[in-house]
Amino acid sequence: MIFNRQRDLVHILLNFASFFKHESCGVCTPCRAGNFILQRKLEKISHGLADRNDLEELRSWGTIMKATSRCGLGKTAPNALLQAVDKFGDYFATRLGTTTTGLYRAIDEHAAVADYERYKP
């Protein structure tokens, strides 16, 4: 597959993760749980809520799935994600959320209430 720069890489990977999660038979835990976790971590990235630990967990789960899944679906499901994280590390770094203390995320109060302000009476 070939994509240009106008396509969002995280959105493409979310599409792949959704496909593999749906197609998993659920017999082996690495594939069943791994695909679910990969999709949730990608959703965190797409919303700007992920941090470096989430990227490391993506790599870790992908490696576990490749090594321990029973069939080819589970063994190949994380391939696109792992390759994307390795080849486009700078892109993923820009998609990570910013933390203030390590426990709490910074919040833009104006952006959080912008929709309300636009429609309030």
Protein backbone atom coordinates (compact mmCIF):
# COMPACT_ATOMS: atom_id res chain seq x y z
CA MET A 1 0.00 0.00 0.00
CA ILE A 2 1.15 3.49 -0.76
CA PHE A 3 -0.11 6.58 1.07
CA ASN A 4 0.75 10.22 0.63
CA ARG A 5 1.42 12.73 3.41
CA GLN A 6 -2.21 13.83 3.46
CA ARG A 7 -3.27 10.56 5.10
CA ASP A 8 -3.03 10.28 8.87
CA LEU A 9 -0.77 7.36 9.74
CA VAL A 10 -2.46 6.74 13.08
CA HIS A 11 -5.85 6.57 11.36
CA ILE A 12 -4.50 4.00 8.89
CA LEU A 13 -3.05 1.91 11.73
CA LEU A 14 -6.33 2.16 13.64
CA ASN A 15 -8.09 0.76 10.58
CA PHE A 16 -5.65 -2.17 10.49
CA ALA A 17 -6.00 -2.76 14.24
CA SER A 18 -9.79 -2.74 13.98
CA PHE A 19 -9.64 -5.28 11.15
CA PHE A 20 -7.34 -7.66 13.03
CA LYS A 21 -9.34 -7.33 16.25
CA HIS A 22 -12.52 -8.19 14.37
CA GLU A 23 -10.94 -11.11 12.49
CA SER A 24 -9.28 -12.69 15.53
CA CYS A 25 -10.90 -16.01 16.41
CA GLY A 26 -10.18 -15.38 20.10
CA VAL A 27 -8.67 -18.79 20.79
CA CYS A 28 -5.25 -17.58 21.90
CA THR A 29 -4.83 -14.80 24.44
CA PRO A 30 -1.93 -12.97 22.76
CA CYS A 31 -4.00 -12.31 19.65
CA ARG A 32 -7.32 -11.71 21.41
CA ALA A 33 -5.98 -9.38 24.09
CA GLY A 34 -3.10 -8.02 22.03
CA ASN A 35 -5.26 -6.73 19.20
CA PHE A 36 -7.60 -5.10 21.70
CA ILE A 37 -4.70 -3.41 23.50
CA LEU A 38 -3.07 -2.26 20.26
CA GLN A 39 -6.31 -0.65 19.15
CA ARG A 40 -6.80 1.11 22.52
CA LYS A 41 -3.22 2.42 22.53
CA LEU A 42 -3.64 3.76 19.00
CA GLU A 43 -6.86 5.47 20.07
CA LYS A 44 -4.93 7.13 22.90
CA ILE A 45 -2.35 8.34 20.40
CA SER A 46 -5.02 9.65 18.04
CA HIS A 47 -6.55 11.70 20.88
CA GLY A 48 -3.17 13.05 22.04
CA LEU A 49 -3.37 11.23 25.37
CA ALA A 50 -0.50 8.78 24.93
CA ASP A 51 3.02 9.11 26.26
CA ARG A 52 6.35 7.34 25.66
CA ASN A 53 5.29 4.42 27.85
CA ASP A 54 2.36 3.75 25.54
CA LEU A 55 4.70 3.53 22.55
CA GLU A 56 6.92 1.10 24.45
CA GLU A 57 3.88 -0.96 25.39
CA LEU A 58 2.85 -1.05 21.72
CA ARG A 59 6.26 -2.43 20.82
CA SER A 60 6.17 -4.91 23.68
CA TRP A 61 2.69 -6.22 22.87
CA GLY A 62 3.55 -6.44 19.18
CA THR A 63 6.63 -8.51 19.97
CA ILE A 64 4.65 -10.78 22.31
CA MET A 65 1.98 -11.30 19.67
CA LYS A 66 4.51 -12.17 16.97
CA ALA A 67 6.25 -14.68 19.22
CA THR A 68 3.33 -16.39 20.93
CA SER A 69 0.22 -16.25 18.74
CA ARG A 70 -0.99 -19.60 17.44
CA CYS A 71 -1.75 -18.64 13.85
CA GLY A 72 -0.54 -16.35 11.10
CA LEU A 73 -3.15 -13.68 11.79
CA GLY A 74 -1.85 -13.04 15.30
CA LYS A 75 1.76 -13.30 14.21
CA THR A 76 1.35 -10.69 11.45
CA ALA A 77 -1.24 -8.35 13.03
CA PRO A 78 1.34 -6.04 14.67
CA ASN A 79 3.71 -5.89 11.67
CA ALA A 80 2.47 -2.62 10.15
CA LEU A 81 2.34 -0.96 13.55
CA LEU A 82 5.83 -2.07 14.58
CA GLN A 83 7.31 -0.99 11.25
CA ALA A 84 5.55 2.39 11.42
CA VAL A 85 6.80 3.09 14.95
CA ASP A 86 10.35 2.16 13.94
CA LYS A 87 10.40 4.07 10.65
CA PHE A 88 8.36 7.13 11.68
CA GLY A 89 9.46 7.68 15.26
CA ASP A 90 9.50 11.46 14.81
CA TYR A 91 5.89 11.42 13.64
CA PHE A 92 4.78 9.45 16.70
CA ALA A 93 6.75 11.77 18.98
CA THR A 94 4.69 14.70 17.70
CA ARG A 95 1.44 12.79 18.39
CA LEU A 96 2.23 12.14 22.05
CA GLY A 97 0.48 14.20 24.70
CA THR A 98 2.39 16.50 26.99
CA THR A 99 2.49 15.78 30.69
CA THR A 100 3.02 18.32 33.40
CA THR A 101 3.88 16.13 36.39
CA GLY A 102 3.93 12.66 34.92
CA LEU A 103 0.58 11.95 36.56
CA TYR A 104 -1.65 14.66 35.17
CA ARG A 105 -2.00 15.84 31.62
CA ALA A 106 -1.95 19.49 30.71
CA ILE A 107 -5.35 20.74 29.64
CA ASP A 108 -6.20 23.69 27.48
CA GLU A 109 -9.21 25.15 29.28
CA HIS A 110 -10.19 27.36 26.38
CA ALA A 111 -10.24 24.47 23.92
CA ALA A 112 -12.15 22.32 26.42
CA VAL A 113 -15.07 24.78 26.64
CA ALA A 114 -14.90 26.15 23.09
CA ASP A 115 -17.88 24.13 21.83
CA TYR A 116 -19.97 25.16 24.81
CA GLU A 117 -19.06 28.81 24.38
CA ARG A 118 -19.99 28.66 20.72
CA TYR A 119 -23.49 27.31 21.38
CA LYS A 120 -24.43 28.76 24.76
CA PRO A 121 -27.40 31.14 24.85
